C-alpha atoms as a PDB file:
ATOM      1  CA  MET A   1     -20.713  39.886 232.399  1.00  0.00           C
ATOM      2  CA  THR A   2     -18.619  36.889 231.336  1.00  0.00           C
ATOM      3  CA  ILE A   3     -15.110  36.781 233.091  1.00  0.00           C
ATOM      4  CA  THR A   4     -12.082  35.201 230.931  1.00  0.00           C
ATOM      5  CA  LEU A   5      -8.703  34.778 232.753  1.00  0.00           C
ATOM      6  CA  LYS A   6      -5.474  33.215 231.376  1.00  0.00           C
ATOM      7  CA  ALA A   7      -3.401  30.706 233.268  1.00  0.00           C
ATOM      8  CA  ALA A   8      -0.434  33.071 232.963  1.00  0.00           C
ATOM      9  CA  ALA A   9      -2.404  35.512 235.095  1.00  0.00           C
ATOM     10  CA  VAL A  10      -2.350  33.093 238.279  1.00  0.00           C
ATOM     11  CA  ASP A  11       0.069  31.435 240.564  1.00  0.00           C
ATOM     12  CA  LYS A  12       1.747  28.085 239.131  1.00  0.00           C
ATOM     13  CA  LYS A  13       1.211  26.110 242.165  1.00  0.00           C
ATOM     14  CA  LEU A  14      -2.585  27.179 242.380  1.00  0.00           C
ATOM     15  CA  ALA A  15      -3.129  26.676 238.669  1.00  0.00           C
ATOM     16  CA  LEU A  16      -1.507  23.177 239.118  1.00  0.00           C
ATOM     17  CA  GLU A  17      -3.582  22.479 242.018  1.00  0.00           C
ATOM     18  CA  PHE A  18      -6.822  23.471 240.103  1.00  0.00           C
ATOM     19  CA  TYR A  19      -5.576  20.957 237.351  1.00  0.00           C
ATOM     20  CA  ARG A  20      -5.033  18.152 240.134  1.00  0.00           C
ATOM     21  CA  GLN A  21      -8.352  18.747 241.601  1.00  0.00           C
ATOM     22  CA  MET A  22     -10.206  18.653 237.913  1.00  0.00           C
ATOM     23  CA  VAL A  23      -8.518  15.671 236.670  1.00  0.00           C
ATOM     24  CA  LEU A  24      -9.082  13.857 240.156  1.00  0.00           C
ATOM     25  CA  ILE A  25     -12.783  14.582 239.933  1.00  0.00           C
ATOM     26  CA  ARG A  26     -12.931  13.389 236.472  1.00  0.00           C
ATOM     27  CA  ARG A  27     -11.098  10.172 237.237  1.00  0.00           C
ATOM     28  CA  PHE A  28     -12.943   9.402 240.334  1.00  0.00           C
ATOM     29  CA  GLU A  29     -16.060   9.504 238.268  1.00  0.00           C
ATOM     30  CA  GLU A  30     -15.026   7.706 235.146  1.00  0.00           C
ATOM     31  CA  ARG A  31     -13.926   4.769 237.868  1.00  0.00           C
ATOM     32  CA  CYS A  32     -17.577   5.180 239.417  1.00  0.00           C
ATOM     33  CA  ALA A  33     -19.168   4.825 236.146  1.00  0.00           C
ATOM     34  CA  GLU A  34     -17.051   1.667 235.763  1.00  0.00           C
ATOM     35  CA  TRP A  35     -17.939   0.167 239.599  1.00  0.00           C
ATOM     36  CA  TYR A  36     -21.470   0.997 238.761  1.00  0.00           C
ATOM     37  CA  GLY A  37     -21.575  -1.394 235.701  1.00  0.00           C
ATOM     38  CA  ARG A  38     -19.939  -3.943 237.804  1.00  0.00           C
ATOM     39  CA  GLY A  39     -22.895  -3.793 240.233  1.00  0.00           C
ATOM     40  CA  LYS A  40     -20.872  -2.247 243.347  1.00  0.00           C
ATOM     41  CA  ILE A  41     -22.609   0.810 243.267  1.00  0.00           C
ATOM     42  CA  GLY A  42     -26.218   0.694 243.343  1.00  0.00           C
ATOM     43  CA  GLY A  43     -29.205   3.385 243.220  1.00  0.00           C
ATOM     44  CA  PHE A  44     -28.758   6.467 240.999  1.00  0.00           C
ATOM     45  CA  LEU A  45     -25.578   7.782 239.744  1.00  0.00           C
ATOM     46  CA  HIS A  46     -25.209  11.271 238.099  1.00  0.00           C
ATOM     47  CA  LEU A  47     -21.738  12.021 236.948  1.00  0.00           C
ATOM     48  CA  TYR A  48     -20.136  15.476 236.749  1.00  0.00           C
ATOM     49  CA  ILE A  49     -17.832  15.020 233.931  1.00  0.00           C
ATOM     50  CA  GLY A  50     -17.522  18.086 231.917  1.00  0.00           C
ATOM     51  CA  GLU A  51     -18.458  20.450 234.851  1.00  0.00           C
ATOM     52  CA  GLU A  52     -15.348  20.027 236.855  1.00  0.00           C
ATOM     53  CA  ALA A  53     -14.349  23.712 236.578  1.00  0.00           C
ATOM     54  CA  VAL A  54     -17.120  25.091 238.241  1.00  0.00           C
ATOM     55  CA  ALA A  55     -16.693  22.882 241.553  1.00  0.00           C
ATOM     56  CA  VAL A  56     -13.162  23.529 241.757  1.00  0.00           C
ATOM     57  CA  GLY A  57     -13.041  27.270 241.010  1.00  0.00           C
ATOM     58  CA  ALA A  58     -16.081  28.067 243.397  1.00  0.00           C
ATOM     59  CA  MET A  59     -14.564  25.982 246.517  1.00  0.00           C
ATOM     60  CA  ALA A  60     -11.457  27.783 245.931  1.00  0.00           C
ATOM     61  CA  LYS A  61     -12.719  30.953 247.158  1.00  0.00           C
ATOM     62  CA  LEU A  62     -14.634  29.665 250.366  1.00  0.00           C
ATOM     63  CA  ALA A  63     -13.412  29.764 253.650  1.00  0.00           C
ATOM     64  CA  PRO A  64     -13.200  26.544 256.153  1.00  0.00           C
ATOM     65  CA  GLN A  65     -16.076  27.713 258.254  1.00  0.00           C
ATOM     66  CA  ASP A  66     -18.538  28.448 255.306  1.00  0.00           C
ATOM     67  CA  TYR A  67     -21.416  25.962 254.541  1.00  0.00           C
ATOM     68  CA  ILE A  68     -22.040  24.141 251.343  1.00  0.00           C
ATOM     69  CA  VAL A  69     -25.374  22.605 250.012  1.00  0.00           C
ATOM     70  CA  THR A  70     -25.906  21.328 246.739  1.00  0.00           C
ATOM     71  CA  HIS A  71     -27.716  19.008 244.296  1.00  0.00           C
ATOM     72  CA  TYR A  72     -27.598  15.185 243.790  1.00  0.00           C
ATOM     73  CA  ARG A  73     -24.736  15.607 241.233  1.00  0.00           C
ATOM     74  CA  GLU A  74     -22.453  16.427 243.730  1.00  0.00           C
ATOM     75  CA  HIS A  75     -19.262  14.347 243.850  1.00  0.00           C
ATOM     76  CA  GLY A  76     -17.394  17.010 242.325  1.00  0.00           C
ATOM     77  CA  HIS A  77     -18.225  19.534 244.814  1.00  0.00           C
ATOM     78  CA  ALA A  78     -17.358  17.109 247.567  1.00  0.00           C
ATOM     79  CA  ILE A  79     -13.834  16.476 246.125  1.00  0.00           C
ATOM     80  CA  ALA A  80     -13.191  20.237 245.667  1.00  0.00           C
ATOM     81  CA  ARG A  81     -14.293  20.919 249.226  1.00  0.00           C
ATOM     82  CA  GLY A  82     -11.681  18.178 250.474  1.00  0.00           C
ATOM     83  CA  LEU A  83     -13.756  15.563 251.703  1.00  0.00           C
ATOM     84  CA  ASP A  84     -11.743  12.144 251.667  1.00  0.00           C
ATOM     85  CA  THR A  85     -11.823  10.286 248.269  1.00  0.00           C
ATOM     86  CA  LYS A  86     -11.665   6.915 250.219  1.00  0.00           C
ATOM     87  CA  LYS A  87     -14.819   7.718 252.435  1.00  0.00           C
ATOM     88  CA  LEU A  88     -16.671   9.018 249.423  1.00  0.00           C
ATOM     89  CA  MET A  89     -15.923   5.913 247.311  1.00  0.00           C
ATOM     90  CA  ALA A  90     -16.886   3.977 250.213  1.00  0.00           C
ATOM     91  CA  GLU A  91     -20.191   5.847 250.661  1.00  0.00           C
ATOM     92  CA  LEU A  92     -20.860   5.167 246.845  1.00  0.00           C
ATOM     93  CA  PHE A  93     -20.311   1.490 247.554  1.00  0.00           C
ATOM     94  CA  GLY A  94     -22.544   1.598 250.420  1.00  0.00           C
ATOM     95  CA  ARG A  95     -20.215   0.697 253.010  1.00  0.00           C
ATOM     96  CA  SER A  96     -20.025   1.372 256.770  1.00  0.00           C
ATOM     97  CA  THR A  97     -16.515   3.474 256.323  1.00  0.00           C
ATOM     98  CA  GLY A  98     -18.498   5.996 253.880  1.00  0.00           C
ATOM     99  CA  THR A  99     -19.184   9.572 254.790  1.00  0.00           C
ATOM    100  CA  SER A 100     -22.619   8.554 255.695  1.00  0.00           C
ATOM    101  CA  LYS A 101     -22.037   5.202 257.142  1.00  0.00           C
ATOM    102  CA  GLY A 102     -23.245   3.901 253.532  1.00  0.00           C
ATOM    103  CA  LYS A 103     -26.725   4.952 254.051  1.00  0.00           C
ATOM    104  CA  GLY A 104     -26.757   8.348 251.789  1.00  0.00           C
ATOM    105  CA  GLY A 105     -25.070   6.840 248.583  1.00  0.00           C
ATOM    106  CA  SER A 106     -24.294   9.034 245.582  1.00  0.00           C
ATOM    107  CA  MET A 107     -26.894  11.522 245.917  1.00  0.00           C
ATOM    108  CA  HIS A 108     -26.364  12.425 249.779  1.00  0.00           C
ATOM    109  CA  LEU A 109     -22.812  13.064 250.525  1.00  0.00           C
ATOM    110  CA  PHE A 110     -22.490  14.527 253.788  1.00  0.00           C
ATOM    111  CA  ASP A 111     -19.515  15.698 255.879  1.00  0.00           C
ATOM    112  CA  ALA A 112     -20.257  18.618 258.866  1.00  0.00           C
ATOM    113  CA  SER A 113     -16.415  18.850 259.412  1.00  0.00           C
ATOM    114  CA  LYS A 114     -16.012  20.405 256.187  1.00  0.00           C
ATOM    115  CA  GLY A 115     -19.244  22.517 256.226  1.00  0.00           C
ATOM    116  CA  PHE A 116     -20.312  20.225 253.314  1.00  0.00           C
ATOM    117  CA  LEU A 117     -24.012  19.526 254.633  1.00  0.00           C
ATOM    118  CA  GLY A 118     -25.355  17.382 251.702  1.00  0.00           C
ATOM    119  CA  GLY A 119     -26.408  16.713 248.305  1.00  0.00           C
ATOM    120  CA  TYR A 120     -30.225  16.783 248.037  1.00  0.00           C
ATOM    121  CA  ALA A 121     -32.314  14.868 245.580  1.00  0.00           C
ATOM    122  CA  ILE A 122     -35.242  17.051 245.577  1.00  0.00           C
ATOM    123  CA  VAL A 123     -34.938  19.761 242.793  1.00  0.00           C
ATOM    124  CA  GLY A 124     -34.653  23.036 244.571  1.00  0.00           C
ATOM    125  CA  GLY A 125     -34.735  21.350 248.040  1.00  0.00           C
ATOM    126  CA  MET A 126     -31.625  22.710 248.882  1.00  0.00           C
ATOM    127  CA  MET A 127     -32.447  26.303 248.477  1.00  0.00           C
ATOM    128  CA  PRO A 128     -34.547  26.879 251.719  1.00  0.00           C
ATOM    129  CA  VAL A 129     -31.860  24.962 253.628  1.00  0.00           C
ATOM    130  CA  ALA A 130     -29.278  27.231 252.384  1.00  0.00           C
ATOM    131  CA  THR A 131     -31.481  30.312 253.196  1.00  0.00           C
ATOM    132  CA  GLY A 132     -32.039  28.973 256.832  1.00  0.00           C
ATOM    133  CA  LEU A 133     -28.122  28.269 257.079  1.00  0.00           C
ATOM    134  CA  ALA A 134     -27.496  32.147 256.246  1.00  0.00           C
ATOM    135  CA  LEU A 135     -30.424  33.179 258.476  1.00  0.00           C
ATOM    136  CA  ALA A 136     -28.648  31.163 261.412  1.00  0.00           C
ATOM    137  CA  SER A 137     -24.968  32.481 260.563  1.00  0.00           C
ATOM    138  CA  LYS A 138     -26.700  36.110 260.390  1.00  0.00           C
ATOM    139  CA  TYR A 139     -28.545  35.652 263.420  1.00  0.00           C
ATOM    140  CA  LYS A 140     -25.548  34.562 265.420  1.00  0.00           C
ATOM    141  CA  ASN A 141     -23.213  36.923 264.195  1.00  0.00           C
ATOM    142  CA  GLU A 142     -20.978  34.458 262.518  1.00  0.00           C
ATOM    143  CA  ASP A 143     -18.372  35.078 259.485  1.00  0.00           C
ATOM    144  CA  ARG A 144     -20.019  32.308 257.512  1.00  0.00           C
ATOM    145  CA  ILE A 145     -21.395  32.299 254.237  1.00  0.00           C
ATOM    146  CA  CYS A 146     -23.402  29.444 252.594  1.00  0.00           C
ATOM    147  CA  LEU A 147     -22.925  28.671 248.922  1.00  0.00           C
ATOM    148  CA  CYS A 148     -26.055  26.985 247.497  1.00  0.00           C
ATOM    149  CA  ILE A 149     -25.717  25.166 244.115  1.00  0.00           C
ATOM    150  CA  PHE A 150     -28.170  24.038 242.066  1.00  0.00           C
ATOM    151  CA  GLY A 151     -29.077  23.242 238.417  1.00  0.00           C
ATOM    152  CA  ASP A 152     -31.300  24.999 235.783  1.00  0.00           C
ATOM    153  CA  GLY A 153     -34.229  22.807 236.250  1.00  0.00           C
ATOM    154  CA  ALA A 154     -34.411  24.400 239.769  1.00  0.00           C
ATOM    155  CA  VAL A 155     -35.124  27.923 238.884  1.00  0.00           C
ATOM    156  CA  ASN A 156     -38.662  27.101 237.664  1.00  0.00           C
ATOM    157  CA  GLU A 157     -39.460  25.478 241.351  1.00  0.00           C
ATOM    158  CA  GLY A 158     -41.174  27.510 243.966  1.00  0.00           C
ATOM    159  CA  GLU A 159     -38.448  27.077 246.406  1.00  0.00           C
ATOM    160  CA  PHE A 160     -36.076  29.266 243.951  1.00  0.00           C
ATOM    161  CA  HIS A 161     -38.353  32.285 244.351  1.00  0.00           C
ATOM    162  CA  GLU A 162     -39.309  31.916 248.018  1.00  0.00           C
ATOM    163  CA  SER A 163     -35.452  31.440 248.779  1.00  0.00           C
ATOM    164  CA  PHE A 164     -34.339  34.456 246.931  1.00  0.00           C
ATOM    165  CA  ASN A 165     -36.939  36.702 248.353  1.00  0.00           C
ATOM    166  CA  LEU A 166     -36.381  36.210 251.941  1.00  0.00           C
ATOM    167  CA  ALA A 167     -32.531  35.956 251.488  1.00  0.00           C
ATOM    168  CA  ALA A 168     -32.701  39.426 249.649  1.00  0.00           C
ATOM    169  CA  LEU A 169     -35.188  40.794 252.253  1.00  0.00           C
ATOM    170  CA  TRP A 170     -33.122  39.860 255.012  1.00  0.00           C
ATOM    171  CA  LYS A 171     -29.630  40.576 253.635  1.00  0.00           C
ATOM    172  CA  LEU A 172     -28.704  37.179 254.211  1.00  0.00           C
ATOM    173  CA  PRO A 173     -25.040  35.638 253.520  1.00  0.00           C
ATOM    174  CA  VAL A 174     -25.831  33.247 250.714  1.00  0.00           C
ATOM    175  CA  ILE A 175     -24.315  32.953 247.304  1.00  0.00           C
ATOM    176  CA  PHE A 176     -26.989  31.172 244.975  1.00  0.00           C
ATOM    177  CA  LEU A 177     -24.596  29.187 242.390  1.00  0.00           C
ATOM    178  CA  LEU A 178     -26.418  28.089 239.128  1.00  0.00           C
ATOM    179  CA  GLU A 179     -24.873  25.372 237.261  1.00  0.00           C
ATOM    180  CA  ASN A 180     -26.669  25.855 233.763  1.00  0.00           C
ATOM    181  CA  ASN A 181     -25.562  22.925 231.575  1.00  0.00           C
ATOM    182  CA  GLY A 182     -28.413  23.399 229.231  1.00  0.00           C
ATOM    183  CA  PHE A 183     -30.838  20.577 230.161  1.00  0.00           C
ATOM    184  CA  GLY A 184     -33.157  19.608 232.887  1.00  0.00           C
ATOM    185  CA  MET A 185     -32.876  15.764 232.736  1.00  0.00           C
ATOM    186  CA  GLY A 186     -33.238  15.309 229.079  1.00  0.00           C
ATOM    187  CA  THR A 187     -35.455  18.684 228.286  1.00  0.00           C
ATOM    188  CA  ARG A 188     -33.510  21.717 226.655  1.00  0.00           C
ATOM    189  CA  VAL A 189     -33.543  24.793 228.823  1.00  0.00           C
ATOM    190  CA  GLU A 190     -35.321  26.723 226.028  1.00  0.00           C
ATOM    191  CA  ARG A 191     -38.191  24.344 226.106  1.00  0.00           C
ATOM    192  CA  ALA A 192     -38.788  24.439 230.117  1.00  0.00           C
ATOM    193  CA  HIS A 193     -37.857  28.342 230.945  1.00  0.00           C
ATOM    194  CA  ALA A 194     -39.710  31.287 229.056  1.00  0.00           C
ATOM    195  CA  GLY A 195     -37.109  33.787 229.926  1.00  0.00           C
ATOM    196  CA  GLN A 196     -33.719  34.210 228.334  1.00  0.00           C
ATOM    197  CA  SER A 197     -30.854  34.973 230.634  1.00  0.00           C
ATOM    198  CA  MET A 198     -31.499  33.089 233.865  1.00  0.00           C
ATOM    199  CA  HIS A 199     -29.234  35.239 236.188  1.00  0.00           C
ATOM    200  CA  ARG A 200     -31.465  38.151 235.339  1.00  0.00           C
ATOM    201  CA  LEU A 201     -34.094  36.473 237.399  1.00  0.00           C
ATOM    202  CA  ALA A 202     -32.527  38.049 240.330  1.00  0.00           C
ATOM    203  CA  ASP A 203     -33.351  41.377 239.111  1.00  0.00           C
ATOM    204  CA  ALA A 204     -36.991  40.864 240.560  1.00  0.00           C
ATOM    205  CA  PHE A 205     -35.058  40.887 244.101  1.00  0.00           C
ATOM    206  CA  SER A 206     -32.824  43.458 243.539  1.00  0.00           C
ATOM    207  CA  MET A 207     -30.198  41.040 243.823  1.00  0.00           C
ATOM    208  CA  PRO A 208     -26.465  41.528 242.422  1.00  0.00           C
ATOM    209  CA  THR A 209     -25.880  38.874 239.630  1.00  0.00           C
ATOM    210  CA  ASP A 210     -23.143  37.580 237.306  1.00  0.00           C
ATOM    211  CA  THR A 211     -22.496  35.004 234.478  1.00  0.00           C
ATOM    212  CA  VAL A 212     -19.320  33.306 234.074  1.00  0.00           C
ATOM    213  CA  ASP A 213     -18.006  30.750 231.644  1.00  0.00           C
ATOM    214  CA  GLY A 214     -18.224  27.499 233.458  1.00  0.00           C
ATOM    215  CA  MET A 215     -15.714  25.832 231.445  1.00  0.00           C
ATOM    216  CA  ASP A 216     -12.907  28.082 232.481  1.00  0.00           C
ATOM    217  CA  VAL A 217     -11.981  27.168 236.103  1.00  0.00           C
ATOM    218  CA  LEU A 218      -9.837  30.363 236.452  1.00  0.00           C
ATOM    219  CA  ALA A 219     -12.836  32.391 235.527  1.00  0.00           C
ATOM    220  CA  VAL A 220     -15.030  30.834 237.792  1.00  0.00           C
ATOM    221  CA  GLN A 221     -12.496  31.466 240.735  1.00  0.00           C
ATOM    222  CA  LYS A 222     -12.532  35.241 240.018  1.00  0.00           C
ATOM    223  CA  ALA A 223     -16.074  35.340 239.626  1.00  0.00           C
ATOM    224  CA  MET A 224     -16.597  33.507 242.528  1.00  0.00           C
ATOM    225  CA  GLY A 225     -14.249  35.825 244.444  1.00  0.00           C
ATOM    226  CA  ARG A 226     -16.200  38.741 243.603  1.00  0.00           C
ATOM    227  CA  ALA A 227     -19.584  37.021 244.787  1.00  0.00           C
ATOM    228  CA  VAL A 228     -17.976  36.242 248.068  1.00  0.00           C
ATOM    229  CA  GLU A 229     -16.430  39.522 248.758  1.00  0.00           C
ATOM    230  CA  TYR A 230     -19.829  41.177 248.198  1.00  0.00           C
ATOM    231  CA  THR A 231     -21.753  38.496 250.757  1.00  0.00           C
ATOM    232  CA  ARG A 232     -19.263  38.135 253.223  1.00  0.00           C
ATOM    233  CA  LYS A 233     -19.022  41.840 253.991  1.00  0.00           C
ATOM    234  CA  GLY A 234     -22.721  41.991 254.834  1.00  0.00           C
ATOM    235  CA  ASP A 235     -24.414  43.200 251.738  1.00  0.00           C
ATOM    236  CA  GLY A 236     -26.716  40.375 251.374  1.00  0.00           C
ATOM    237  CA  PRO A 237     -26.877  37.495 248.646  1.00  0.00           C
ATOM    238  CA  PHE A 238     -25.455  37.264 245.293  1.00  0.00           C
ATOM    239  CA  PHE A 239     -26.569  35.106 242.356  1.00  0.00           C
ATOM    240  CA  LEU A 240     -23.983  33.712 239.944  1.00  0.00           C
ATOM    241  CA  GLU A 241     -24.798  31.760 236.745  1.00  0.00           C
ATOM    242  CA  SER A 242     -22.033  29.349 235.174  1.00  0.00           C
ATOM    243  CA  ILE A 243     -22.639  28.230 231.715  1.00  0.00           C
ATOM    244  CA  THR A 244     -21.499  24.312 231.678  1.00  0.00           C
ATOM    245  CA  TYR A 245     -21.903  21.384 229.973  1.00  0.00           C
ATOM    246  CA  ARG A 246     -22.158  17.909 231.126  1.00  0.00           C
ATOM    247  CA  PHE A 247     -20.526  15.307 228.641  1.00  0.00           C
ATOM    248  CA  ARG A 248     -22.563  12.298 230.092  1.00  0.00           C
ATOM    249  CA  GLY A 249     -26.357  11.846 230.429  1.00  0.00           C
ATOM    250  CA  HIS A 250     -28.562  12.870 233.186  1.00  0.00           C
ATOM    251  CA  SER A 251     -27.802   9.625 235.130  1.00  0.00           C
ATOM    252  CA  MET A 252     -26.154   6.437 234.047  1.00  0.00           C
ATOM    253  CA  ALA A 253     -29.855   5.267 232.938  1.00  0.00           C
ATOM    254  CA  ASP A 254     -29.781   7.982 230.134  1.00  0.00           C
ATOM    255  CA  PRO A 255     -29.018   6.833 226.841  1.00  0.00           C
ATOM    256  CA  VAL A 256     -28.703  10.668 225.986  1.00  0.00           C
ATOM    257  CA  ALA A 257     -30.852  10.230 222.783  1.00  0.00           C
ATOM    258  CA  TYR A 258     -31.781  14.050 222.886  1.00  0.00           C
ATOM    259  CA  ARG A 259     -28.487  15.633 221.945  1.00  0.00           C
ATOM    260  CA  ASP A 260     -26.839  15.949 218.593  1.00  0.00           C
ATOM    261  CA  LYS A 261     -23.479  14.708 218.126  1.00  0.00           C
ATOM    262  CA  GLU A 262     -22.169  17.660 216.738  1.00  0.00           C
ATOM    263  CA  GLU A 263     -23.330  19.920 219.748  1.00  0.00           C
ATOM    264  CA  GLU A 264     -21.314  17.417 222.075  1.00  0.00           C
ATOM    265  CA  ASP A 265     -18.348  17.561 219.911  1.00  0.00           C
ATOM    266  CA  VAL A 266     -18.189  21.442 220.082  1.00  0.00           C
ATOM    267  CA  TRP A 267     -18.555  21.389 224.001  1.00  0.00           C
ATOM    268  CA  ARG A 268     -16.000  18.795 224.106  1.00  0.00           C
ATOM    269  CA  GLN A 269     -13.401  21.065 222.306  1.00  0.00           C
ATOM    270  CA  ARG A 270     -13.906  23.258 225.441  1.00  0.00           C
ATOM    271  CA  ASP A 271     -12.924  20.576 227.953  1.00  0.00           C
ATOM    272  CA  PRO A 272     -11.915  22.291 230.972  1.00  0.00           C
ATOM    273  CA  ILE A 273      -9.016  19.970 231.975  1.00  0.00           C
ATOM    274  CA  ASN A 274      -7.805  19.872 228.459  1.00  0.00           C
ATOM    275  CA  GLN A 275      -8.079  23.919 228.118  1.00  0.00           C
ATOM    276  CA  LEU A 276      -6.041  24.584 231.404  1.00  0.00           C
ATOM    277  CA  ALA A 277      -3.511  22.044 230.467  1.00  0.00           C
ATOM    278  CA  ILE A 278      -3.176  24.035 227.092  1.00  0.00           C
ATOM    279  CA  GLU A 279      -2.810  27.312 228.933  1.00  0.00           C
ATOM    280  CA  LEU A 280      -0.197  26.013 231.376  1.00  0.00           C
ATOM    281  CA  ARG A 281       2.042  24.761 228.498  1.00  0.00           C
ATOM    282  CA  ARG A 282       1.613  27.766 226.523  1.00  0.00           C
ATOM    283  CA  GLY A 283       2.568  29.985 229.756  1.00  0.00           C
ATOM    284  CA  LYS A 284       5.468  27.484 230.294  1.00  0.00           C
ATOM    285  CA  GLN A 285       4.012  27.031 233.760  1.00  0.00           C
ATOM    286  CA  ALA A 286       4.172  23.333 233.474  1.00  0.00           C
ATOM    287  CA  SER A 287       5.527  20.980 231.084  1.00  0.00           C
ATOM    288  CA  GLN A 288       3.584  17.725 229.846  1.00  0.00           C
ATOM    289  CA  GLN A 289       5.759  15.668 232.073  1.00  0.00           C
ATOM    290  CA  GLU A 290       4.438  17.475 235.070  1.00  0.00           C
ATOM    291  CA  LEU A 291       0.899  17.136 234.157  1.00  0.00           C
ATOM    292  CA  ASP A 292       1.649  13.268 233.284  1.00  0.00           C
ATOM    293  CA  ALA A 293       2.829  13.290 236.965  1.00  0.00           C
ATOM    294  CA  ILE A 294      -0.242  14.622 238.190  1.00  0.00           C
ATOM    295  CA  ALA A 295      -2.278  12.208 236.266  1.00  0.00           C
ATOM    296  CA  ALA A 296      -0.361   9.146 237.595  1.00  0.00           C
ATOM    297  CA  SER A 297      -0.920  10.487 241.350  1.00  0.00           C
ATOM    298  CA  VAL A 298      -4.406  10.757 240.849  1.00  0.00           C
ATOM    299  CA  GLU A 299      -4.821   7.297 239.358  1.00  0.00           C
ATOM    300  CA  ASP A 300      -3.076   6.039 242.410  1.00  0.00           C
ATOM    301  CA  GLU A 301      -5.301   8.039 244.622  1.00  0.00           C
ATOM    302  CA  VAL A 302      -8.382   6.832 242.926  1.00  0.00           C
ATOM    303  CA  GLY A 303      -7.103   3.236 242.821  1.00  0.00           C
ATOM    304  CA  GLU A 304      -6.593   3.440 246.848  1.00  0.00           C
ATOM    305  CA  ALA A 305      -9.988   4.751 247.299  1.00  0.00           C
ATOM    306  CA  ILE A 306     -11.454   1.750 245.355  1.00  0.00           C
ATOM    307  CA  LYS A 307      -9.518  -0.702 247.299  1.00  0.00           C
ATOM    308  CA  PHE A 308     -10.620   0.916 250.707  1.00  0.00           C
ATOM    309  CA  ALA A 309     -14.359   0.576 249.467  1.00  0.00           C
ATOM    310  CA  ASN A 310     -13.987  -2.872 248.302  1.00  0.00           C
ATOM    311  CA  GLU A 311     -12.442  -3.916 251.506  1.00  0.00           C
ATOM    312  CA  SER A 312     -14.804  -1.975 253.804  1.00  0.00           C
ATOM    313  CA  PRO A 313     -17.564  -3.981 255.427  1.00  0.00           C
ATOM    314  CA  GLU A 314     -21.087  -3.155 254.755  1.00  0.00           C
ATOM    315  CA  PRO A 315     -23.473  -1.676 257.536  1.00  0.00           C
ATOM    316  CA  SER A 316     -24.656  -3.490 260.009  1.00  0.00           C
ATOM    317  CA  ARG A 317     -28.589  -4.365 260.578  1.00  0.00           C
ATOM    318  CA  GLU A 318     -28.543  -2.265 263.709  1.00  0.00           C
ATOM    319  CA  GLU A 319     -27.219   0.635 261.836  1.00  0.00           C
ATOM    320  CA  MET A 320     -30.658   1.002 259.937  1.00  0.00           C
ATOM    321  CA  PHE A 321     -32.022   2.471 263.226  1.00  0.00           C
ATOM    322  CA  ARG A 322     -29.231   4.593 264.115  1.00  0.00           C
ATOM    323  CA  ASP A 323     -28.778   8.563 263.316  1.00  0.00           C
ATOM    324  CA  ILE A 324     -32.619   8.786 262.744  1.00  0.00           C
ATOM    325  CA  VAL A 325     -34.518  11.996 264.473  1.00  0.00           C
ATOM    326  CA  ALA A 326     -37.239  10.017 266.423  1.00  0.00           C
ATOM    327  CA  ASP A 327     -38.054   6.499 267.674  1.00  0.00           C
END
């Protein structure tokens, strides 16, 4: 079932906060692309531009004690969870003031104080981790669920089925959130997955499931709220599929030669930031001046994050041997 909700149906303060978060994610990543081009951000850089509504809508329904594990396109998830943008940018710059002291980079953001337990570079690799965290929560009788976010490429991995099976068998408090952006790297979903609706894969495990418009932040919030309510009361796992689209390539190295411009144009007309702005103005919940003021404050915040990252020191040589499991 697809859920659609208009901005007029929610509190103005909440809707404006959603708008601010999405604009912050968008501008943060646009500047990341810029500084990647300048050579200040190394390694891989996978941008979330276009998918902001999923992160913002999903994180809004979690409690402070809940866990999040996700994939390597995780800047948006981290910002929506409330991680400090200065520390995030410093991490991307490889600086000692970063969330992982500059040793994780773009694909491995981590902040235990926020329950944000990492982006994982191996496709599907976060799923057994999420299942284990949920098992620990249930074993210790904690009021804590785990949100596991993954892409459409992960549904064909063995970890997907193994994790779903154990989570359903043991009724674990985990929500599996699929960000279906239509492509696994440069391969269309239809060329890699034999099934039709991906959320129906949960039927094999008798797991409740839903699908939502991932370009509508308010719809994601509502769908996520139902999933959280179901899981938190002890009924077991939930599988939520969001249908979304990335406006940039798989990574900064991707020329995106496999997509039609017409297709991109259709999806850009559904830009989640623009759509929420339209609804806010239509419902007279915000003027263009208010939205412009939000955008200006976001520019200032991202600018401060870049300044902080540029001025932060690189990790010392000794740091290489700290925070390891064994000698």
